[in-house]
PDB file of N, CA and C in Angstrom:
ATOM      1  N   MET A   1     -92.961  89.438 -23.872  1.00  0.00           N
ATOM      2  CA  MET A   1     -92.249  90.097 -22.942  1.00  0.00           C
ATOM      3  C   MET A   1     -91.580  89.323 -21.879  1.00  0.00           C
ATOM      4  N   ILE A   2     -90.722  90.086 -21.169  1.00  0.00           N
ATOM      5  CA  ILE A   2     -89.925  89.425 -19.881  1.00  0.00           C
ATOM      6  C   ILE A   2     -90.407  90.397 -19.249  1.00  0.00           C
ATOM      7  N   THR A   3     -90.755  89.910 -17.853  1.00  0.00           N
ATOM      8  CA  THR A   3     -91.094  90.729 -16.672  1.00  0.00           C
ATOM      9  C   THR A   3     -90.258  90.769 -15.450  1.00  0.00           C
ATOM     10  N   VAL A   4     -90.153  91.370 -14.316  1.00  0.00           N
ATOM     11  CA  VAL A   4     -89.358  91.743 -13.203  1.00  0.00           C
ATOM     12  C   VAL A   4     -90.095  91.996 -12.150  1.00  0.00           C
ATOM     13  N   SER A   5     -89.904  90.984 -11.206  1.00  0.00           N
ATOM     14  CA  SER A   5     -90.675  91.362  -9.990  1.00  0.00           C
ATOM     15  C   SER A   5     -89.920  92.206  -9.128  1.00  0.00           C
ATOM     16  N   ASP A   6     -90.644  92.946  -8.128  1.00  0.00           N
ATOM     17  CA  ASP A   6     -90.334  93.710  -7.232  1.00  0.00           C
ATOM     18  C   ASP A   6     -89.020  93.471  -6.608  1.00  0.00           C
ATOM     19  N   LYS A   7     -88.893  92.048  -5.932  1.00  0.00           N
ATOM     20  CA  LYS A   7     -87.625  91.355  -5.484  1.00  0.00           C
ATOM     21  C   LYS A   7     -86.601  91.725  -6.322  1.00  0.00           C
ATOM     22  N   ALA A   8     -86.694  90.908  -7.729  1.00  0.00           N
ATOM     23  CA  ALA A   8     -86.042  90.899  -8.550  1.00  0.00           C
ATOM     24  C   ALA A   8     -85.384  92.146  -9.016  1.00  0.00           C
ATOM     25  N   LYS A   9     -86.351  93.129  -8.940  1.00  0.00           N
ATOM     26  CA  LYS A   9     -85.655  94.842  -9.015  1.00  0.00           C
ATOM     27  C   LYS A   9     -84.569  94.956  -8.233  1.00  0.00           C
ATOM     28  N   GLU A  10     -85.199  95.089  -6.744  1.00  0.00           N
ATOM     29  CA  GLU A  10     -84.542  95.480  -5.763  1.00  0.00           C
ATOM     30  C   GLU A  10     -83.141  94.989  -6.191  1.00  0.00           C
ATOM     31  N   LYS A  11     -82.907  93.573  -6.040  1.00  0.00           N
ATOM     32  CA  LYS A  11     -81.823  92.731  -6.196  1.00  0.00           C
ATOM     33  C   LYS A  11     -81.029  93.460  -7.171  1.00  0.00           C
ATOM     34  N   VAL A  12     -81.263  93.726  -8.286  1.00  0.00           N
ATOM     35  CA  VAL A  12     -80.836  94.135  -9.573  1.00  0.00           C
ATOM     36  C   VAL A  12     -80.202  95.448  -9.571  1.00  0.00           C
ATOM     37  N   GLU A  13     -81.043  96.333  -8.537  1.00  0.00           N
ATOM     38  CA  GLU A  13     -80.460  98.006  -8.210  1.00  0.00           C
ATOM     39  C   GLU A  13     -79.469  97.575  -7.542  1.00  0.00           C
ATOM     40  N   LYS A  14     -79.412  96.522  -6.362  1.00  0.00           N
ATOM     41  CA  LYS A  14     -78.392  96.772  -5.187  1.00  0.00           C
ATOM     42  C   LYS A  14     -76.823  96.203  -6.120  1.00  0.00           C
ATOM     43  N   LEU A  15     -77.118  95.164  -6.742  1.00  0.00           N
ATOM     44  CA  LEU A  15     -75.711  94.744  -7.551  1.00  0.00           C
ATOM     45  C   LEU A  15     -75.119  95.889  -8.495  1.00  0.00           C
ATOM     46  N   LYS A  16     -76.237  96.418  -9.009  1.00  0.00           N
ATOM     47  CA  LYS A  16     -75.470  97.678 -10.047  1.00  0.00           C
ATOM     48  C   LYS A  16     -74.774  98.912  -9.093  1.00  0.00           C
ATOM     49  N   ARG A  17     -75.434  98.800  -7.994  1.00  0.00           N
ATOM     50  CA  ARG A  17     -74.696  99.804  -7.355  1.00  0.00           C
ATOM     51  C   ARG A  17     -73.685  99.297  -6.426  1.00  0.00           C
ATOM     52  N   GLU A  18     -73.571  98.411  -6.290  1.00  0.00           N
ATOM     53  CA  GLU A  18     -72.416  97.580  -5.278  1.00  0.00           C
ATOM     54  C   GLU A  18     -71.037  97.286  -6.613  1.00  0.00           C
ATOM     55  N   SER A  19     -71.409  97.469  -7.805  1.00  0.00           N
ATOM     56  CA  SER A  19     -70.538  97.072  -8.486  1.00  0.00           C
ATOM     57  C   SER A  19     -70.052  97.956  -9.237  1.00  0.00           C
ATOM     58  N   ASN A  20     -70.437  99.120  -9.177  1.00  0.00           N
ATOM     59  CA  ASN A  20     -70.754 100.527  -9.930  1.00  0.00           C
ATOM     60  C   ASN A  20     -71.011 100.747 -11.204  1.00  0.00           C
ATOM     61  N   ILE A  21     -72.189  99.701 -11.474  1.00  0.00           N
ATOM     62  CA  ILE A  21     -72.353  99.659 -12.973  1.00  0.00           C
ATOM     63  C   ILE A  21     -73.596 100.852 -13.343  1.00  0.00           C
ATOM     64  N   ASP A  22     -73.079 101.668 -14.504  1.00  0.00           N
ATOM     65  CA  ASP A  22     -74.192 102.913 -14.803  1.00  0.00           C
ATOM     66  C   ASP A  22     -75.454 102.363 -15.406  1.00  0.00           C
ATOM     67  N   ASP A  23     -76.227 103.061 -15.740  1.00  0.00           N
ATOM     68  CA  ASP A  23     -77.366 102.659 -16.166  1.00  0.00           C
ATOM     69  C   ASP A  23     -77.386 102.992 -17.895  1.00  0.00           C
ATOM     70  N   SER A  24     -76.133 102.461 -18.172  1.00  0.00           N
ATOM     71  CA  SER A  24     -75.934 102.250 -19.807  1.00  0.00           C
ATOM     72  C   SER A  24     -76.098 100.840 -20.050  1.00  0.00           C
ATOM     73  N   PHE A  25     -76.113 100.140 -18.517  1.00  0.00           N
ATOM     74  CA  PHE A  25     -75.756  98.528 -18.422  1.00  0.00           C
ATOM     75  C   PHE A  25     -77.493  98.102 -18.695  1.00  0.00           C
ATOM     76  N   ARG A  26     -77.666  96.977 -19.429  1.00  0.00           N
ATOM     77  CA  ARG A  26     -78.555  96.281 -19.327  1.00  0.00           C
ATOM     78  C   ARG A  26     -78.506  94.671 -18.784  1.00  0.00           C
ATOM     79  N   LEU A  27     -79.924  94.733 -18.101  1.00  0.00           N
ATOM     80  CA  LEU A  27     -79.559  93.039 -17.675  1.00  0.00           C
ATOM     81  C   LEU A  27     -79.593  92.143 -18.772  1.00  0.00           C
ATOM     82  N   ARG A  28     -78.952  91.389 -19.240  1.00  0.00           N
ATOM     83  CA  ARG A  28     -79.012  90.477 -20.343  1.00  0.00           C
ATOM     84  C   ARG A  28     -79.607  88.797 -19.968  1.00  0.00           C
ATOM     85  N   ALA A  29     -80.556  88.687 -20.422  1.00  0.00           N
ATOM     86  CA  ALA A  29     -81.038  87.388 -20.286  1.00  0.00           C
ATOM     87  C   ALA A  29     -80.649  86.315 -21.366  1.00  0.00           C
ATOM     88  N   SER A  30     -80.682  84.957 -21.367  1.00  0.00           N
ATOM     89  CA  SER A  30     -80.197  84.345 -22.186  1.00  0.00           C
ATOM     90  C   SER A  30     -80.131  82.554 -21.997  1.00  0.00           C
ATOM     91  N   VAL A  31     -80.344  82.237 -22.916  1.00  0.00           N
ATOM     92  CA  VAL A  31     -80.414  80.726 -22.630  1.00  0.00           C
ATOM     93  C   VAL A  31     -79.334  79.731 -23.071  1.00  0.00           C
ATOM     94  N   ALA A  32     -78.694  78.857 -22.551  1.00  0.00           N
ATOM     95  CA  ALA A  32     -77.499  78.112 -23.294  1.00  0.00           C
ATOM     96  C   ALA A  32     -77.920  76.748 -23.059  1.00  0.00           C
ATOM     97  N   GLY A  33     -77.692  75.748 -23.924  1.00  0.00           N
ATOM     98  CA  GLY A  33     -77.521  73.978 -23.786  1.00  0.00           C
ATOM     99  C   GLY A  33     -76.513  73.994 -22.378  1.00  0.00           C
ATOM    100  N   GLY A  34     -77.026  72.751 -21.831  1.00  0.00           N
ATOM    101  CA  GLY A  34     -76.498  72.589 -20.356  1.00  0.00           C
ATOM    102  C   GLY A  34     -77.262  72.627 -19.506  1.00  0.00           C
ATOM    103  N   GLY A  35     -77.024  71.807 -18.693  1.00  0.00           N
ATOM    104  CA  GLY A  35     -77.545  71.603 -16.859  1.00  0.00           C
ATOM    105  C   GLY A  35     -78.359  70.208 -16.864  1.00  0.00           C
ATOM    106  N   CYS A  36     -78.956  70.205 -16.386  1.00  0.00           N
ATOM    107  CA  CYS A  36     -79.623  68.874 -15.705  1.00  0.00           C
ATOM    108  C   CYS A  36     -80.540  68.373 -16.941  1.00  0.00           C
ATOM    109  N   SER A  37     -81.464  69.652 -16.879  1.00  0.00           N
ATOM    110  CA  SER A  37     -82.513  69.296 -18.021  1.00  0.00           C
ATOM    111  C   SER A  37     -82.225  69.613 -19.355  1.00  0.00           C
ATOM    112  N   GLY A  38     -81.113  70.087 -19.714  1.00  0.00           N
ATOM    113  CA  GLY A  38     -80.893  70.300 -21.183  1.00  0.00           C
ATOM    114  C   GLY A  38     -80.680  71.767 -21.372  1.00  0.00           C
ATOM    115  N   LEU A  39     -80.879  72.661 -20.793  1.00  0.00           N
ATOM    116  CA  LEU A  39     -81.332  74.256 -21.079  1.00  0.00           C
ATOM    117  C   LEU A  39     -80.892  74.654 -19.842  1.00  0.00           C
ATOM    118  N   SER A  40     -80.068  76.058 -19.888  1.00  0.00           N
ATOM    119  CA  SER A  40     -79.718  76.907 -18.691  1.00  0.00           C
ATOM    120  C   SER A  40     -79.626  78.412 -18.747  1.00  0.00           C
ATOM    121  N   TYR A  41     -80.313  78.714 -17.692  1.00  0.00           N
ATOM    122  CA  TYR A  41     -80.447  80.165 -17.936  1.00  0.00           C
ATOM    123  C   TYR A  41     -79.135  81.266 -17.400  1.00  0.00           C
ATOM    124  N   LYS A  42     -78.975  82.025 -18.180  1.00  0.00           N
ATOM    125  CA  LYS A  42     -77.837  82.861 -17.753  1.00  0.00           C
ATOM    126  C   LYS A  42     -78.466  84.428 -17.568  1.00  0.00           C
ATOM    127  N   LEU A  43     -77.490  85.312 -16.553  1.00  0.00           N
ATOM    128  CA  LEU A  43     -77.865  86.517 -16.638  1.00  0.00           C
ATOM    129  C   LEU A  43     -76.308  87.324 -16.526  1.00  0.00           C
ATOM    130  N   ASP A  44     -76.463  88.421 -16.858  1.00  0.00           N
ATOM    131  CA  ASP A  44     -75.208  89.425 -17.081  1.00  0.00           C
ATOM    132  C   ASP A  44     -75.849  90.672 -17.352  1.00  0.00           C
ATOM    133  N   PHE A  45     -74.831  91.655 -16.897  1.00  0.00           N
ATOM    134  CA  PHE A  45     -75.004  93.123 -17.509  1.00  0.00           C
ATOM    135  C   PHE A  45     -74.615  93.330 -18.591  1.00  0.00           C
ATOM    136  N   ASP A  46     -74.650  93.915 -19.345  1.00  0.00           N
ATOM    137  CA  ASP A  46     -73.967  94.183 -20.698  1.00  0.00           C
ATOM    138  C   ASP A  46     -74.505  95.814 -21.221  1.00  0.00           C
ATOM    139  N   ASP A  47     -73.268  96.457 -21.966  1.00  0.00           N
ATOM    140  CA  ASP A  47     -73.403  97.702 -22.158  1.00  0.00           C
ATOM    141  C   ASP A  47     -73.835  97.395 -23.861  1.00  0.00           C
ATOM    142  N   GLU A  48     -73.931  96.393 -24.600  1.00  0.00           N
ATOM    143  CA  GLU A  48     -73.965  96.480 -26.021  1.00  0.00           C
ATOM    144  C   GLU A  48     -75.677  95.859 -26.266  1.00  0.00           C
ATOM    145  N   VAL A  49     -76.036  96.623 -27.031  1.00  0.00           N
ATOM    146  CA  VAL A  49     -77.397  96.105 -27.636  1.00  0.00           C
ATOM    147  C   VAL A  49     -77.096  95.490 -29.281  1.00  0.00           C
ATOM    148  N   LYS A  50     -77.113  94.246 -29.340  1.00  0.00           N
ATOM    149  CA  LYS A  50     -77.134  93.910 -30.766  1.00  0.00           C
ATOM    150  C   LYS A  50     -78.263  94.133 -31.741  1.00  0.00           C
ATOM    151  N   PRO A  51     -77.864  93.890 -32.723  1.00  0.00           N
ATOM    152  CA  PRO A  51     -79.162  94.302 -33.965  1.00  0.00           C
ATOM    153  C   PRO A  51     -80.265  93.402 -34.025  1.00  0.00           C
ATOM    154  N   MET A  52     -80.147  92.134 -33.414  1.00  0.00           N
ATOM    155  CA  MET A  52     -81.622  91.399 -33.400  1.00  0.00           C
ATOM    156  C   MET A  52     -82.157  91.105 -31.744  1.00  0.00           C
ATOM    157  N   ASP A  53     -81.456  91.908 -30.982  1.00  0.00           N
ATOM    158  CA  ASP A  53     -82.125  91.860 -29.500  1.00  0.00           C
ATOM    159  C   ASP A  53     -83.462  92.453 -29.282  1.00  0.00           C
ATOM    160  N   GLN A  54     -84.015  91.508 -28.395  1.00  0.00           N
ATOM    161  CA  GLN A  54     -85.139  92.141 -28.168  1.00  0.00           C
ATOM    162  C   GLN A  54     -84.908  92.656 -26.808  1.00  0.00           C
ATOM    163  N   GLU A  55     -85.480  93.988 -26.614  1.00  0.00           N
ATOM    164  CA  GLU A  55     -85.483  95.190 -25.202  1.00  0.00           C
ATOM    165  C   GLU A  55     -87.024  95.101 -24.530  1.00  0.00           C
ATOM    166  N   PHE A  56     -86.734  95.265 -23.498  1.00  0.00           N
ATOM    167  CA  PHE A  56     -87.952  95.142 -22.326  1.00  0.00           C
ATOM    168  C   PHE A  56     -87.604  95.854 -21.707  1.00  0.00           C
ATOM    169  N   GLU A  57     -88.268  96.820 -20.812  1.00  0.00           N
ATOM    170  CA  GLU A  57     -88.386  97.372 -19.787  1.00  0.00           C
ATOM    171  C   GLU A  57     -89.768  97.345 -18.638  1.00  0.00           C
ATOM    172  N   ASP A  58     -89.156  96.671 -17.423  1.00  0.00           N
ATOM    173  CA  ASP A  58     -90.412  96.444 -16.600  1.00  0.00           C
ATOM    174  C   ASP A  58     -89.811  96.731 -15.061  1.00  0.00           C
ATOM    175  N   LYS A  59     -90.523  97.869 -14.647  1.00  0.00           N
ATOM    176  CA  LYS A  59     -90.242  98.365 -13.521  1.00  0.00           C
ATOM    177  C   LYS A  59     -88.991  99.055 -13.029  1.00  0.00           C
ATOM    178  N   GLY A  60     -88.727  99.560 -14.405  1.00  0.00           N
ATOM    179  CA  GLY A  60     -87.577 100.226 -14.643  1.00  0.00           C
ATOM    180  C   GLY A  60     -86.406  99.683 -14.967  1.00  0.00           C
ATOM    181  N   VAL A  61     -86.414  98.187 -15.001  1.00  0.00           N
ATOM    182  CA  VAL A  61     -85.199  97.249 -14.910  1.00  0.00           C
ATOM    183  C   VAL A  61     -85.546  96.968 -16.775  1.00  0.00           C
ATOM    184  N   LYS A  62     -83.894  97.534 -17.434  1.00  0.00           N
ATOM    185  CA  LYS A  62     -84.065  97.452 -18.759  1.00  0.00           C
ATOM    186  C   LYS A  62     -83.255  95.932 -19.012  1.00  0.00           C
ATOM    187  N   VAL A  63     -83.950  94.915 -19.901  1.00  0.00           N
ATOM    188  CA  VAL A  63     -83.710  93.807 -19.817  1.00  0.00           C
ATOM    189  C   VAL A  63     -83.788  93.604 -21.402  1.00  0.00           C
ATOM    190  N   VAL A  64     -82.434  92.916 -21.806  1.00  0.00           N
ATOM    191  CA  VAL A  64     -82.299  92.590 -23.326  1.00  0.00           C
ATOM    192  C   VAL A  64     -81.704  91.022 -23.754  1.00  0.00           C
ATOM    193  N   VAL A  65     -82.409  90.611 -24.462  1.00  0.00           N
ATOM    194  CA  VAL A  65     -82.437  89.128 -24.864  1.00  0.00           C
ATOM    195  C   VAL A  65     -82.025  88.790 -26.680  1.00  0.00           C
ATOM    196  N   ASP A  66     -80.994  88.034 -26.840  1.00  0.00           N
ATOM    197  CA  ASP A  66     -81.032  87.801 -28.026  1.00  0.00           C
ATOM    198  C   ASP A  66     -82.031  86.673 -28.610  1.00  0.00           C
ATOM    199  N   MET A  67     -82.418  86.708 -30.154  1.00  0.00           N
ATOM    200  CA  MET A  67     -83.580  86.369 -30.136  1.00  0.00           C
ATOM    201  C   MET A  67     -84.066  84.711 -30.309  1.00  0.00           C
ATOM    202  N   LYS A  68     -82.751  84.181 -30.519  1.00  0.00           N
ATOM    203  CA  LYS A  68     -83.179  82.544 -30.112  1.00  0.00           C
ATOM    204  C   LYS A  68     -83.536  82.430 -28.543  1.00  0.00           C
ATOM    205  N   SER A  69     -82.765  83.204 -27.833  1.00  0.00           N
ATOM    206  CA  SER A  69     -83.077  82.985 -26.160  1.00  0.00           C
ATOM    207  C   SER A  69     -84.410  83.257 -26.188  1.00  0.00           C
ATOM    208  N   PHE A  70     -85.290  84.499 -26.511  1.00  0.00           N
ATOM    209  CA  PHE A  70     -86.173  84.734 -26.440  1.00  0.00           C
ATOM    210  C   PHE A  70     -87.328  83.908 -26.916  1.00  0.00           C
ATOM    211  N   LEU A  71     -87.201  82.949 -27.880  1.00  0.00           N
ATOM    212  CA  LEU A  71     -87.843  82.044 -28.283  1.00  0.00           C
ATOM    213  C   LEU A  71     -88.491  80.864 -27.225  1.00  0.00           C
ATOM    214  N   TYR A  72     -87.672  80.749 -25.769  1.00  0.00           N
ATOM    215  CA  TYR A  72     -87.685  80.166 -24.911  1.00  0.00           C
ATOM    216  C   TYR A  72     -87.865  80.664 -23.553  1.00  0.00           C
ATOM    217  N   LEU A  73     -87.638  82.366 -23.581  1.00  0.00           N
ATOM    218  CA  LEU A  73     -88.198  83.042 -22.797  1.00  0.00           C
ATOM    219  C   LEU A  73     -89.283  84.054 -22.838  1.00  0.00           C
ATOM    220  N   ALA A  74     -89.796  84.123 -23.733  1.00  0.00           N
ATOM    221  CA  ALA A  74     -91.242  84.706 -23.836  1.00  0.00           C
ATOM    222  C   ALA A  74     -92.037  84.349 -22.727  1.00  0.00           C
ATOM    223  N   GLY A  75     -92.717  85.240 -22.016  1.00  0.00           N
ATOM    224  CA  GLY A  75     -93.795  85.564 -21.059  1.00  0.00           C
ATOM    225  C   GLY A  75     -93.299  84.963 -19.594  1.00  0.00           C
ATOM    226  N   THR A  76     -91.807  84.826 -19.440  1.00  0.00           N
ATOM    227  CA  THR A  76     -91.194  84.717 -18.118  1.00  0.00           C
ATOM    228  C   THR A  76     -90.865  85.906 -17.008  1.00  0.00           C
ATOM    229  N   GLU A  77     -91.267  85.767 -16.008  1.00  0.00           N
ATOM    230  CA  GLU A  77     -91.009  86.389 -15.266  1.00  0.00           C
ATOM    231  C   GLU A  77     -89.569  86.011 -14.322  1.00  0.00           C
ATOM    232  N   LEU A  78     -88.806  87.104 -14.580  1.00  0.00           N
ATOM    233  CA  LEU A  78     -87.592  86.925 -13.632  1.00  0.00           C
ATOM    234  C   LEU A  78     -87.896  87.641 -11.902  1.00  0.00           C
ATOM    235  N   ASP A  79     -87.300  86.413 -11.375  1.00  0.00           N
ATOM    236  CA  ASP A  79     -87.585  86.765  -9.810  1.00  0.00           C
ATOM    237  C   ASP A  79     -86.191  86.317  -9.109  1.00  0.00           C
ATOM    238  N   PHE A  80     -86.503  86.914  -7.664  1.00  0.00           N
ATOM    239  CA  PHE A  80     -85.397  86.457  -6.432  1.00  0.00           C
ATOM    240  C   PHE A  80     -85.743  86.214  -5.406  1.00  0.00           C
ATOM    241  N   SER A  81     -84.914  85.164  -4.933  1.00  0.00           N
ATOM    242  CA  SER A  81     -85.548  84.326  -3.379  1.00  0.00           C
ATOM    243  C   SER A  81     -84.587  84.557  -2.499  1.00  0.00           C
ATOM    244  N   ASP A  82     -84.549  84.866  -1.424  1.00  0.00           N
ATOM    245  CA  ASP A  82     -83.817  85.010  -0.192  1.00  0.00           C
ATOM    246  C   ASP A  82     -84.129  84.237   1.098  1.00  0.00           C
ATOM    247  N   GLY A  83     -84.451  82.978   0.583  1.00  0.00           N
ATOM    248  CA  GLY A  83     -84.850  82.382   1.599  1.00  0.00           C
ATOM    249  C   GLY A  83     -84.229  81.400   2.104  1.00  0.00           C
ATOM    250  N   LEU A  84     -84.420  80.559   2.981  1.00  0.00           N
ATOM    251  CA  LEU A  84     -83.553  79.471   3.210  1.00  0.00           C
ATOM    252  C   LEU A  84     -83.671  78.154   2.608  1.00  0.00           C
ATOM    253  N   ASN A  85     -84.289  77.723   1.661  1.00  0.00           N
ATOM    254  CA  ASN A  85     -84.656  76.840   0.744  1.00  0.00           C
ATOM    255  C   ASN A  85     -83.529  77.173  -0.824  1.00  0.00           C
ATOM    256  N   GLY A  86     -82.924  78.204  -1.207  1.00  0.00           N
ATOM    257  CA  GLY A  86     -82.404  78.648  -1.940  1.00  0.00           C
ATOM    258  C   GLY A  86     -81.956  80.445  -2.201  1.00  0.00           C
ATOM    259  N   LYS A  87     -81.292  80.637  -2.185  1.00  0.00           N
ATOM    260  CA  LYS A  87     -80.826  82.021  -2.667  1.00  0.00           C
ATOM    261  C   LYS A  87     -80.214  82.403  -4.148  1.00  0.00           C
ATOM    262  N   GLY A  88     -81.097  83.436  -4.949  1.00  0.00           N
ATOM    263  CA  GLY A  88     -80.916  83.921  -6.067  1.00  0.00           C
ATOM    264  C   GLY A  88     -81.951  83.720  -7.342  1.00  0.00           C
ATOM    265  N   PHE A  89     -81.217  84.575  -8.347  1.00  0.00           N
ATOM    266  CA  PHE A  89     -82.472  84.995  -9.348  1.00  0.00           C
ATOM    267  C   PHE A  89     -83.135  83.370  -9.421  1.00  0.00           C
ATOM    268  N   PHE A  90     -84.537  83.365 -10.136  1.00  0.00           N
ATOM    269  CA  PHE A  90     -85.161  82.429 -10.546  1.00  0.00           C
ATOM    270  C   PHE A  90     -85.990  82.832 -11.786  1.00  0.00           C
ATOM    271  N   PHE A  91     -86.251  82.048 -12.652  1.00  0.00           N
ATOM    272  CA  PHE A  91     -87.148  82.464 -13.783  1.00  0.00           C
ATOM    273  C   PHE A  91     -88.655  81.674 -13.713  1.00  0.00           C
ATOM    274  N   ASN A  92     -89.489  82.018 -13.583  1.00  0.00           N
ATOM    275  CA  ASN A  92     -90.929  81.499 -13.908  1.00  0.00           C
ATOM    276  C   ASN A  92     -91.365  81.782 -15.434  1.00  0.00           C
ATOM    277  N   ASN A  93     -90.874  80.624 -15.808  1.00  0.00           N
ATOM    278  CA  ASN A  93     -90.905  80.188 -17.501  1.00  0.00           C
ATOM    279  C   ASN A  93     -92.155  79.373 -17.485  1.00  0.00           C
ATOM    280  N   PRO A  94     -93.041  80.064 -18.372  1.00  0.00           N
ATOM    281  CA  PRO A  94     -94.313  79.463 -18.542  1.00  0.00           C
ATOM    282  C   PRO A  94     -94.066  78.549 -20.025  1.00  0.00           C
ATOM    283  N   ASN A  95     -92.851  78.238 -20.494  1.00  0.00           N
ATOM    284  CA  ASN A  95     -92.718  77.270 -21.922  1.00  0.00           C
ATOM    285  C   ASN A  95     -91.740  76.332 -21.194  1.00  0.00           C
ATOM    286  N   ALA A  96     -91.545  76.366 -19.834  1.00  0.00           N
ATOM    287  CA  ALA A  96     -90.623  75.012 -19.570  1.00  0.00           C
ATOM    288  C   ALA A  96     -91.826  74.186 -19.102  1.00  0.00           C
ATOM    289  N   SER A  97     -91.478  72.834 -19.456  1.00  0.00           N
ATOM    290  CA  SER A  97     -92.113  71.319 -19.508  1.00  0.00           C
ATOM    291  C   SER A  97     -91.514  70.897 -18.408  1.00  0.00           C
ATOM    292  N   ARG A  98     -90.139  70.998 -17.907  1.00  0.00           N
ATOM    293  CA  ARG A  98     -89.685  70.531 -16.938  1.00  0.00           C
ATOM    294  C   ARG A  98     -88.480  70.992 -16.551  1.00  0.00           C
ATOM    295  N   THR A  99     -88.442  71.441 -15.038  1.00  0.00           N
ATOM    296  CA  THR A  99     -87.374  72.212 -14.347  1.00  0.00           C
ATOM    297  C   THR A  99     -86.413  71.230 -13.410  1.00  0.00           C
ATOM    298  N   CYS A 100     -85.463  71.195 -13.431  1.00  0.00           N
ATOM    299  CA  CYS A 100     -84.567  70.715 -12.365  1.00  0.00           C
ATOM    300  C   CYS A 100     -84.518  71.278 -10.895  1.00  0.00           C
ATOM    301  N   GLY A 101     -84.348  70.769 -10.266  1.00  0.00           N
ATOM    302  CA  GLY A 101     -84.615  70.417  -8.675  1.00  0.00           C
ATOM    303  C   GLY A 101     -83.871  72.103  -8.120  1.00  0.00           C
ATOM    304  N   CYS A 102     -82.869  71.849  -8.958  1.00  0.00           N
ATOM    305  CA  CYS A 102     -82.305  73.992  -8.462  1.00  0.00           C
ATOM    306  C   CYS A 102     -82.956  74.740  -9.145  1.00  0.00           C
ATOM    307  N   GLY A 103     -83.756  74.746 -10.422  1.00  0.00           N
ATOM    308  CA  GLY A 103     -84.328  75.694 -10.775  1.00  0.00           C
ATOM    309  C   GLY A 103     -83.577  76.724 -11.969  1.00  0.00           C
ATOM    310  N   ASP A 104     -82.158  75.737 -12.164  1.00  0.00           N
ATOM    311  CA  ASP A 104     -81.119  76.343 -13.053  1.00  0.00           C
ATOM    312  C   ASP A 104     -81.057  75.839 -14.625  1.00  0.00           C
ATOM    313  N   SER A 105     -81.993  74.739 -14.641  1.00  0.00           N
ATOM    314  CA  SER A 105     -81.928  74.523 -15.787  1.00  0.00           C
ATOM    315  C   SER A 105     -83.363  73.892 -16.292  1.00  0.00           C
ATOM    316  N   PHE A 106     -83.705  73.525 -17.579  1.00  0.00           N
ATOM    317  CA  PHE A 106     -85.170  73.053 -18.019  1.00  0.00           C
ATOM    318  C   PHE A 106     -85.076  72.843 -18.856  1.00  0.00           C
ATOM    319  N   SER A 107     -86.116  72.208 -19.759  1.00  0.00           N
ATOM    320  CA  SER A 107     -86.691  71.891 -20.960  1.00  0.00           C
ATOM    321  C   SER A 107     -88.040  72.386 -21.613  1.00  0.00           C
ATOM    322  N   VAL A 108     -88.383  72.087 -22.620  1.00  0.00           N
ATOM    323  CA  VAL A 108     -89.366  72.588 -23.335  1.00  0.00           C
ATOM    324  C   VAL A 108     -89.914  71.499 -23.939  1.00  0.00           C
TER     325      VAL A 108
END
């Protein structure tokens, strides 16, 4: 499962409102090769669910993940920070053995 913090939920809802994105869209979390540590996180809004996608809902936020990415993201919490040390979404990923300084990439 992928969970969503209260701050991330607020930010997702705000982004959807500002961009006029309706409830048919889900938050798509994925992992791609690249970044300082070898793998990087990606977030998008998507209105398509593919046959092998894993779907989750936490705090009213619908999250969809392709099966390959789910292997890296299982048990992850999506959070959001608006502090002075960095602003944006970040992943609390228990599967990551190492992360880069900015938190945008990781390795297992």
